[in-house]
Amino acid sequence: MRSGGLTGADQLDDVGQRCDPLDVEVGMEVVWIHEDGVHPGGVRAVKGIDFSVEPGEVFGLLGPNGAGKSTTIGMLTTTVAPSDGTATLAGFDVSKQPIEARLARLARAADELAAAIRGRDDAALSRRPEPKAWSAKEIVCHLRDIEELFGQRFETILANDEPALVEAGPADRWASERQYRRHDAASALEHFRRRRGESLATLMALPPADWQRGGAHPVRGHLTIDLLVALMAWHDDNHLEQLTRALEGRP
């Protein structure tokens, strides 16, 4: 693992974000953050970042709170818009081609899950790092079922004007009621792969205007397809990291 550290105004905020294996090139000069968005006149959050990550390489961003690590990850996942500089993700410019960059991120998830659990027996995949923390198998099952929910949301939004969107409900309840610990991890992964393929096929066929179609979520409020895709990318990264911890025996 190669790491990059930043200090002072040039630092990147939270402890350590992991960059999953992909092709990344970043050259950000200035990003400004203000209470209501990213724009000149606010607080300089990131300055002078310049690094690249090769396919298959794991690169960590290190620095104290407030250094700008989460902001940098946000720029790479297209949830934060840079005010200057360039960044490419899997060959796509995250500022000029944010949709393509997000879709490229979503397309890698199934292979990353497969690599993470490859060679692990059922006992290892079923082992919880602590009683209330999910096992790797439960995480794969959760991703499979949430992918189905995202697909249903896309269908609902595209078939209706500003529809009400279904709330997922407590994830732990899903794990208990659906008995995730009794499932086969490899089968769950293949179902996730198929459902993710269906989601990507739907998204890749959308005309640009349809990315701004949305619906009303009972907790999150108005959600567009564009924002749902950003949430999917974040959700993948969050649970891939959780799965890695579970296999290492860390909650």
Protein backbone atom coordinates (compact mmCIF):
# COMPACT_ATOMS: atom_id res chain seq x y z
CA MET A 1 0.00 0.00 0.00
CA ARG A 2 1.32 3.41 -0.93
CA SER A 3 0.17 6.43 1.03
CA GLY A 4 0.17 10.15 0.59
CA GLY A 5 0.26 12.55 3.52
CA LEU A 6 -0.72 16.20 3.56
CA THR A 7 -0.19 18.96 6.08
CA GLY A 8 -1.73 22.36 6.80
CA ALA A 9 -3.81 23.93 4.05
CA ASP A 10 -2.50 21.34 1.61
CA GLN A 11 -3.89 18.42 3.59
CA LEU A 12 -6.55 16.28 2.60
CA ASP A 13 -10.69 15.30 6.64
CA ASP A 14 -11.42 12.06 8.58
CA VAL A 15 -8.92 9.39 9.26
CA GLY A 16 -7.74 7.49 6.19
CA GLN A 17 -9.83 6.86 3.12
CA ARG A 18 -8.93 3.88 0.93
CA CYS A 19 -8.76 4.26 -2.84
CA ASP A 20 -9.94 1.00 -4.38
CA PRO A 21 -7.97 -0.44 -7.31
CA LEU A 22 -8.61 1.62 -10.43
CA ASP A 23 -6.85 4.07 -12.66
CA VAL A 24 -6.81 7.52 -11.03
CA GLU A 25 -4.98 10.67 -11.93
CA VAL A 26 -5.51 13.82 -9.88
CA GLY A 27 -4.18 17.33 -10.21
CA MET A 28 -6.36 19.62 -8.09
CA GLU A 29 -5.22 23.16 -7.43
CA VAL A 30 -7.95 24.78 -5.35
CA VAL A 31 -11.32 23.76 -3.98
CA TRP A 32 -13.40 26.16 -1.92
CA ILE A 33 -16.00 24.98 0.57
CA HIS A 34 -18.72 27.15 2.08
CA GLU A 35 -21.76 26.31 4.19
CA ASP A 36 -24.05 26.23 1.19
CA GLY A 37 -21.74 24.71 -1.37
CA VAL A 38 -18.44 24.89 -3.17
CA HIS A 39 -17.49 28.32 -4.45
CA PRO A 40 -14.85 31.06 -4.25
CA GLY A 41 -14.98 33.11 -1.07
CA GLY A 42 -15.42 30.22 1.31
CA VAL A 43 -12.82 28.10 3.08
CA ARG A 44 -10.01 26.58 1.08
CA ALA A 45 -10.49 22.86 1.61
CA VAL A 46 -7.96 21.31 -0.77
CA LYS A 47 -4.94 22.82 -2.46
CA GLY A 48 -2.11 21.49 -4.53
CA ILE A 49 -2.97 17.80 -4.70
CA ASP A 50 -1.14 15.91 -7.40
CA PHE A 51 -1.01 12.11 -7.47
CA SER A 52 -1.84 9.06 -9.57
CA VAL A 53 -2.95 5.54 -8.68
CA GLU A 54 -2.31 2.65 -11.04
CA PRO A 55 -4.78 -0.20 -11.66
CA GLY A 56 -4.46 -2.79 -8.89
CA GLU A 57 -2.64 -0.40 -6.54
CA VAL A 58 -4.03 0.53 -3.12
CA PHE A 59 -3.34 4.14 -2.21
CA GLY A 60 -4.19 5.70 1.16
CA LEU A 61 -4.75 9.38 1.92
CA LEU A 62 -3.44 10.23 5.38
CA GLY A 63 -3.89 13.39 7.42
CA PRO A 64 -5.62 14.87 10.46
CA ASN A 65 -9.25 15.95 10.63
CA GLY A 66 -10.01 18.91 8.41
CA ALA A 67 -7.15 18.21 6.02
CA GLY A 68 -9.42 17.56 3.03
CA LYS A 69 -9.31 13.76 2.56
CA SER A 70 -13.09 13.32 2.38
CA THR A 71 -13.35 16.31 0.06
CA THR A 72 -10.86 14.70 -2.30
CA ILE A 73 -12.74 11.40 -2.25
CA GLY A 74 -15.94 13.39 -2.86
CA MET A 75 -14.38 14.95 -5.96
CA LEU A 76 -13.33 11.55 -7.27
CA THR A 77 -16.83 10.13 -6.71
CA THR A 78 -18.36 13.28 -8.31
CA THR A 79 -20.33 14.30 -5.20
CA VAL A 80 -18.15 17.42 -4.75
CA ALA A 81 -17.38 19.67 -7.72
CA PRO A 82 -13.79 20.98 -7.93
CA SER A 83 -13.36 24.66 -8.68
CA ASP A 84 -10.11 24.13 -10.53
CA GLY A 85 -7.77 21.39 -11.67
CA THR A 86 -8.45 18.01 -13.22
CA ALA A 87 -9.11 14.46 -12.05
CA THR A 88 -9.75 11.34 -14.09
CA LEU A 89 -11.31 8.13 -12.84
CA ALA A 90 -11.06 5.03 -15.05
CA GLY A 91 -10.19 7.38 -17.90
CA PHE A 92 -13.12 9.76 -17.38
CA ASP A 93 -12.80 13.40 -16.32
CA VAL A 94 -14.85 13.62 -13.10
CA SER A 95 -15.79 17.25 -13.80
CA LYS A 96 -16.68 16.95 -17.48
CA GLN A 97 -17.89 13.33 -17.47
CA PRO A 98 -19.31 12.72 -13.96
CA ILE A 99 -21.95 10.26 -15.15
CA GLU A 100 -19.42 8.11 -16.99
CA ALA A 101 -17.11 8.15 -13.96
CA ARG A 102 -19.90 7.01 -11.65
CA LEU A 103 -21.00 4.24 -13.99
CA ALA A 104 -17.40 3.03 -14.26
CA ARG A 105 -17.25 2.89 -10.46
CA LEU A 106 -20.51 0.92 -10.23
CA ALA A 107 -19.35 -1.53 -12.90
CA ARG A 108 -16.34 -2.61 -10.81
CA ALA A 109 -18.22 -3.48 -7.61
CA ALA A 110 -19.07 -7.13 -8.36
CA ASP A 111 -15.49 -7.96 -9.32
CA GLU A 112 -14.18 -6.24 -6.19
CA LEU A 113 -16.55 -8.26 -4.02
CA ALA A 114 -15.50 -11.46 -5.79
CA ALA A 115 -11.82 -10.68 -5.20
CA ALA A 116 -12.46 -9.93 -1.53
CA ILE A 117 -14.17 -13.24 -0.75
CA ARG A 118 -12.20 -15.47 -3.14
CA GLY A 119 -10.68 -18.48 -1.39
CA ARG A 120 -12.61 -17.93 1.86
CA ASP A 121 -14.57 -20.85 3.25
CA ASP A 122 -18.10 -20.56 4.60
CA ALA A 123 -16.90 -20.40 8.19
CA ALA A 124 -14.74 -17.35 7.46
CA LEU A 125 -17.48 -15.64 5.46
CA SER A 126 -20.07 -16.33 8.18
CA ARG A 127 -17.94 -15.17 11.11
CA ARG A 128 -19.02 -11.91 12.72
CA PRO A 129 -16.17 -9.77 14.08
CA GLU A 130 -18.40 -9.05 17.09
CA PRO A 131 -21.98 -10.08 17.96
CA LYS A 132 -23.72 -7.04 16.47
CA ALA A 133 -21.41 -6.53 13.48
CA TRP A 134 -22.21 -8.15 10.13
CA SER A 135 -20.19 -10.98 8.66
CA ALA A 136 -18.82 -10.78 5.12
CA LYS A 137 -21.64 -13.04 3.91
CA GLU A 138 -24.29 -10.75 5.41
CA ILE A 139 -22.72 -7.74 3.72
CA VAL A 140 -22.84 -9.42 0.30
CA CYS A 141 -26.50 -10.36 0.88
CA HIS A 142 -27.28 -6.78 1.91
CA LEU A 143 -25.68 -5.39 -1.26
CA ARG A 144 -27.68 -7.89 -3.35
CA ASP A 145 -31.01 -6.87 -1.81
CA ILE A 146 -30.31 -3.12 -1.81
CA GLU A 147 -29.41 -3.36 -5.50
CA GLU A 148 -32.89 -4.71 -6.16
CA LEU A 149 -34.34 -1.76 -4.25
CA PHE A 150 -32.32 0.75 -6.28
CA GLY A 151 -33.57 -0.91 -9.46
CA GLN A 152 -37.16 -0.60 -8.26
CA ARG A 153 -36.61 3.08 -7.51
CA PHE A 154 -35.28 3.72 -11.02
CA GLU A 155 -38.31 1.98 -12.54
CA THR A 156 -40.72 3.94 -10.35
CA ILE A 157 -39.11 7.30 -11.15
CA LEU A 158 -39.00 6.64 -14.90
CA ALA A 159 -42.64 5.51 -14.99
CA ASN A 160 -44.08 8.34 -12.88
CA ASP A 161 -43.74 12.05 -12.22
CA GLU A 162 -42.27 12.71 -8.77
CA PRO A 163 -43.44 9.43 -7.21
CA ALA A 164 -43.14 8.44 -3.56
CA LEU A 165 -40.07 6.24 -3.09
CA VAL A 166 -40.02 3.23 -0.79
CA GLU A 167 -37.82 3.45 2.28
CA ALA A 168 -35.51 0.49 2.84
CA GLY A 169 -36.16 0.24 6.57
CA PRO A 170 -33.68 -1.06 9.17
CA ALA A 171 -30.94 -3.08 7.48
CA ASP A 172 -30.52 -5.31 10.54
CA ARG A 173 -34.14 -6.33 10.25
CA TRP A 174 -33.55 -7.43 6.66
CA ALA A 175 -30.58 -9.51 7.76
CA SER A 176 -32.60 -11.17 10.51
CA GLU A 177 -35.87 -11.72 8.66
CA ARG A 178 -34.18 -12.98 5.49
CA GLN A 179 -31.70 -15.09 7.45
CA TYR A 180 -28.64 -13.84 5.62
CA ARG A 181 -26.33 -16.08 7.64
CA ARG A 182 -27.94 -19.16 6.07
CA HIS A 183 -27.40 -17.95 2.50
CA ASP A 184 -24.59 -18.94 0.15
CA ALA A 185 -22.19 -16.03 -0.38
CA ALA A 186 -21.23 -17.03 -3.93
CA SER A 187 -24.87 -17.27 -4.98
CA ALA A 188 -25.64 -13.91 -3.36
CA LEU A 189 -22.71 -12.36 -5.23
CA GLU A 190 -23.95 -13.68 -8.58
CA HIS A 191 -27.42 -12.30 -7.92
CA PHE A 192 -25.82 -8.94 -7.07
CA ARG A 193 -23.78 -9.07 -10.28
CA ARG A 194 -26.91 -9.75 -12.36
CA ARG A 195 -28.92 -7.01 -10.69
CA ARG A 196 -26.09 -4.51 -10.99
CA GLY A 197 -25.86 -5.35 -14.69
CA GLU A 198 -29.57 -4.62 -15.05
CA SER A 199 -29.15 -1.30 -13.21
CA LEU A 200 -26.24 -0.31 -15.44
CA ALA A 201 -28.17 -1.22 -18.60
CA THR A 202 -31.03 1.03 -17.48
CA LEU A 203 -28.72 3.92 -16.58
CA MET A 204 -26.61 3.74 -19.73
CA ALA A 205 -29.75 3.97 -21.88
CA LEU A 206 -31.04 7.14 -20.20
CA PRO A 207 -31.06 10.43 -22.11
CA PRO A 208 -29.34 13.25 -20.15
CA ALA A 209 -32.63 14.89 -19.10
CA ASP A 210 -33.85 11.74 -17.36
CA TRP A 211 -30.95 11.84 -14.90
CA GLN A 212 -32.73 14.76 -13.22
CA ARG A 213 -36.02 12.91 -12.82
CA GLY A 214 -36.72 12.09 -9.19
CA GLY A 215 -39.07 11.14 -6.44
CA ALA A 216 -39.86 11.86 -2.80
CA HIS A 217 -38.07 9.73 -0.21
CA PRO A 218 -39.70 9.74 3.27
CA VAL A 219 -36.37 10.39 5.01
CA ARG A 220 -33.93 11.84 2.47
CA GLY A 221 -36.43 14.08 0.69
CA HIS A 222 -36.21 14.69 -3.07
CA LEU A 223 -33.88 12.20 -4.79
CA THR A 224 -32.97 12.38 -8.46
CA ILE A 225 -31.57 9.47 -10.44
CA ASP A 226 -28.30 11.39 -10.56
CA LEU A 227 -28.17 11.53 -6.76
CA LEU A 228 -29.26 7.90 -6.38
CA VAL A 229 -26.31 6.81 -8.52
CA ALA A 230 -23.96 8.85 -6.31
CA LEU A 231 -25.50 7.14 -3.27
CA MET A 232 -24.97 3.73 -4.89
CA ALA A 233 -21.27 4.47 -5.42
CA TRP A 234 -20.89 5.62 -1.82
CA HIS A 235 -22.83 2.58 -0.60
CA ASP A 236 -20.53 0.22 -2.52
CA ASP A 237 -17.38 1.79 -1.07
CA ASN A 238 -18.79 1.86 2.45
CA HIS A 239 -19.71 -1.82 2.48
CA LEU A 240 -16.61 -3.02 0.64
CA GLU A 241 -14.56 -1.44 3.40
CA GLN A 242 -16.86 -3.00 6.02
CA LEU A 243 -16.46 -6.41 4.35
CA THR A 244 -12.67 -6.12 4.44
CA ARG A 245 -12.80 -5.30 8.15
CA ALA A 246 -15.11 -8.24 8.84
CA LEU A 247 -12.75 -10.68 7.16
CA GLU A 248 -9.90 -9.27 9.23
CA GLY A 249 -11.93 -9.71 12.44
CA ARG A 250 -12.47 -5.97 12.93
CA PRO A 251 -15.99 -4.51 13.42
